[in-house]
C-alpha atoms as a PDB file:
ATOM      1  CA  UNK A   1     -11.735 -29.510 -10.966  1.00  0.00           C
ATOM      2  CA  UNK A   2      -9.040 -30.456  -8.341  1.00  0.00           C
ATOM      3  CA  UNK A   3      -9.651 -27.173  -6.486  1.00  0.00           C
ATOM      4  CA  UNK A   4     -13.398 -27.779  -6.581  1.00  0.00           C
ATOM      5  CA  UNK A   5     -12.941 -31.167  -5.142  1.00  0.00           C
ATOM      6  CA  UNK A   6     -10.709 -30.042  -2.493  1.00  0.00           C
ATOM      7  CA  UNK A   7     -13.087 -27.228  -1.556  1.00  0.00           C
ATOM      8  CA  UNK A   8     -16.006 -29.778  -1.437  1.00  0.00           C
ATOM      9  CA  UNK A   9     -13.681 -31.962   0.887  1.00  0.00           C
ATOM     10  CA  UNK A  10     -13.392 -28.764   3.164  1.00  0.00           C
ATOM     11  CA  UNK A  11     -17.109 -28.239   3.088  1.00  0.00           C
ATOM     12  CA  UNK A  12     -17.735 -31.844   4.048  1.00  0.00           C
ATOM     13  CA  UNK A  13     -15.249 -31.629   6.885  1.00  0.00           C
ATOM     14  CA  UNK A  14     -17.063 -28.450   8.031  1.00  0.00           C
ATOM     15  CA  UNK A  15     -20.554 -29.745   7.836  1.00  0.00           C
ATOM     16  CA  UNK A  16     -19.676 -33.127   9.530  1.00  0.00           C
ATOM     17  CA  UNK A  17     -18.110 -31.218  12.429  1.00  0.00           C
ATOM     18  CA  UNK A  18     -21.651 -30.099  13.526  1.00  0.00           C
ATOM     19  CA  UNK A  19     -21.288 -26.339  12.992  1.00  0.00           C
ATOM     20  CA  UNK A  20     -23.720 -23.651  14.101  1.00  0.00           C
ATOM     21  CA  UNK A  21     -25.633 -23.066  10.778  1.00  0.00           C
ATOM     22  CA  UNK A  22     -27.062 -19.873  12.151  1.00  0.00           C
ATOM     23  CA  UNK A  23     -23.760 -18.243  12.455  1.00  0.00           C
ATOM     24  CA  UNK A  24     -21.141 -17.233   9.675  1.00  0.00           C
ATOM     25  CA  UNK A  25     -19.156 -20.081   8.207  1.00  0.00           C
ATOM     26  CA  UNK A  26     -15.802 -18.625   9.070  1.00  0.00           C
ATOM     27  CA  UNK A  27     -14.480 -22.014  10.052  1.00  0.00           C
ATOM     28  CA  UNK A  28     -15.305 -23.421   6.584  1.00  0.00           C
ATOM     29  CA  UNK A  29     -13.436 -20.425   4.905  1.00  0.00           C
ATOM     30  CA  UNK A  30     -10.455 -20.996   7.215  1.00  0.00           C
ATOM     31  CA  UNK A  31     -10.313 -24.611   6.091  1.00  0.00           C
ATOM     32  CA  UNK A  32     -10.457 -23.838   2.345  1.00  0.00           C
ATOM     33  CA  UNK A  33      -8.161 -20.831   2.473  1.00  0.00           C
ATOM     34  CA  UNK A  34      -5.036 -23.148   1.826  1.00  0.00           C
ATOM     35  CA  UNK A  35      -6.910 -24.532  -1.189  1.00  0.00           C
ATOM     36  CA  UNK A  36      -7.540 -21.130  -2.649  1.00  0.00           C
ATOM     37  CA  UNK A  37      -4.090 -19.745  -1.888  1.00  0.00           C
ATOM     38  CA  UNK A  38      -2.497 -22.824  -3.535  1.00  0.00           C
ATOM     39  CA  UNK A  39      -4.720 -22.612  -6.686  1.00  0.00           C
ATOM     40  CA  UNK A  40      -3.974 -18.783  -6.946  1.00  0.00           C
ATOM     41  CA  UNK A  41      -0.235 -19.326  -6.750  1.00  0.00           C
ATOM     42  CA  UNK A  42      -0.261 -21.969  -9.418  1.00  0.00           C
ATOM     43  CA  UNK A  43      -2.459 -20.029 -11.814  1.00  0.00           C
ATOM     44  CA  UNK A  44      -0.718 -16.735 -11.328  1.00  0.00           C
ATOM     45  CA  UNK A  45       2.831 -18.141 -11.014  1.00  0.00           C
ATOM     46  CA  UNK A  46       3.772 -17.737 -14.750  1.00  0.00           C
ATOM     47  CA  UNK A  47       2.741 -14.159 -14.692  1.00  0.00           C
ATOM     48  CA  UNK A  48       4.564 -13.435 -11.562  1.00  0.00           C
ATOM     49  CA  UNK A  49       7.817 -14.888 -13.049  1.00  0.00           C
ATOM     50  CA  UNK A  50       7.623 -12.613 -15.997  1.00  0.00           C
ATOM     51  CA  UNK A  51       6.916  -9.553 -13.997  1.00  0.00           C
ATOM     52  CA  UNK A  52       9.683 -10.371 -11.584  1.00  0.00           C
ATOM     53  CA  UNK A  53      12.115 -10.740 -14.601  1.00  0.00           C
ATOM     54  CA  UNK A  54      10.935  -7.466 -16.212  1.00  0.00           C
ATOM     55  CA  UNK A  55      11.257  -5.399 -13.074  1.00  0.00           C
ATOM     56  CA  UNK A  56      14.553  -7.053 -11.848  1.00  0.00           C
ATOM     57  CA  UNK A  57      12.849  -8.156  -8.626  1.00  0.00           C
ATOM     58  CA  UNK A  58      14.758 -10.560  -6.365  1.00  0.00           C
ATOM     59  CA  UNK A  59      12.264 -13.083  -5.112  1.00  0.00           C
ATOM     60  CA  UNK A  60      12.024 -14.721  -1.611  1.00  0.00           C
ATOM     61  CA  UNK A  61      13.424 -18.306  -1.148  1.00  0.00           C
ATOM     62  CA  UNK A  62       9.943 -19.715  -0.578  1.00  0.00           C
ATOM     63  CA  UNK A  63       8.802 -18.271  -3.932  1.00  0.00           C
ATOM     64  CA  UNK A  64      11.940 -19.747  -5.647  1.00  0.00           C
ATOM     65  CA  UNK A  65      11.134 -23.130  -4.127  1.00  0.00           C
ATOM     66  CA  UNK A  66       7.487 -23.013  -5.253  1.00  0.00           C
ATOM     67  CA  UNK A  67       8.677 -22.162  -8.790  1.00  0.00           C
ATOM     68  CA  UNK A  68      11.308 -24.933  -8.773  1.00  0.00           C
ATOM     69  CA  UNK A  69       8.519 -27.560  -7.698  1.00  0.00           C
ATOM     70  CA  UNK A  70       6.176 -26.275 -10.347  1.00  0.00           C
ATOM     71  CA  UNK A  71       8.936 -26.709 -12.946  1.00  0.00           C
ATOM     72  CA  UNK A  72       9.553 -30.182 -11.841  1.00  0.00           C
ATOM     73  CA  UNK A  73       5.903 -31.052 -12.189  1.00  0.00           C
ATOM     74  CA  UNK A  74       5.529 -29.492 -15.632  1.00  0.00           C
ATOM     75  CA  UNK A  75       8.903 -31.005 -16.725  1.00  0.00           C
ATOM     76  CA  UNK A  76       7.735 -34.420 -15.705  1.00  0.00           C
ATOM     77  CA  UNK A  77       4.459 -34.169 -17.610  1.00  0.00           C
ATOM     78  CA  UNK A  78       6.300 -33.433 -20.793  1.00  0.00           C
ATOM     79  CA  UNK A  79       8.457 -36.548 -20.590  1.00  0.00           C
ATOM     80  CA  UNK A  80       7.228 -39.907 -22.001  1.00  0.00           C
ATOM     81  CA  UNK A  81       8.853 -42.789 -20.167  1.00  0.00           C
ATOM     82  CA  UNK A  82       7.990 -45.257 -22.977  1.00  0.00           C
END
């Protein structure tokens, strides 16, 4: 649902910008590309970790940072502060 809400926000920004509705909506797709990439990274991240470990692949620093950040989010959701 978060991805859908963000894509709706992109669509709103695109439409309120007065686009030419007779031509391809490439500007809209450019706006929502970040949303799609982020959602895909999160949803496929676990699979990628397993494949990297199985294939003994060294991952880039940005991938390590993304995985660390996701681990922090998941770890935080598992902790009850009460």
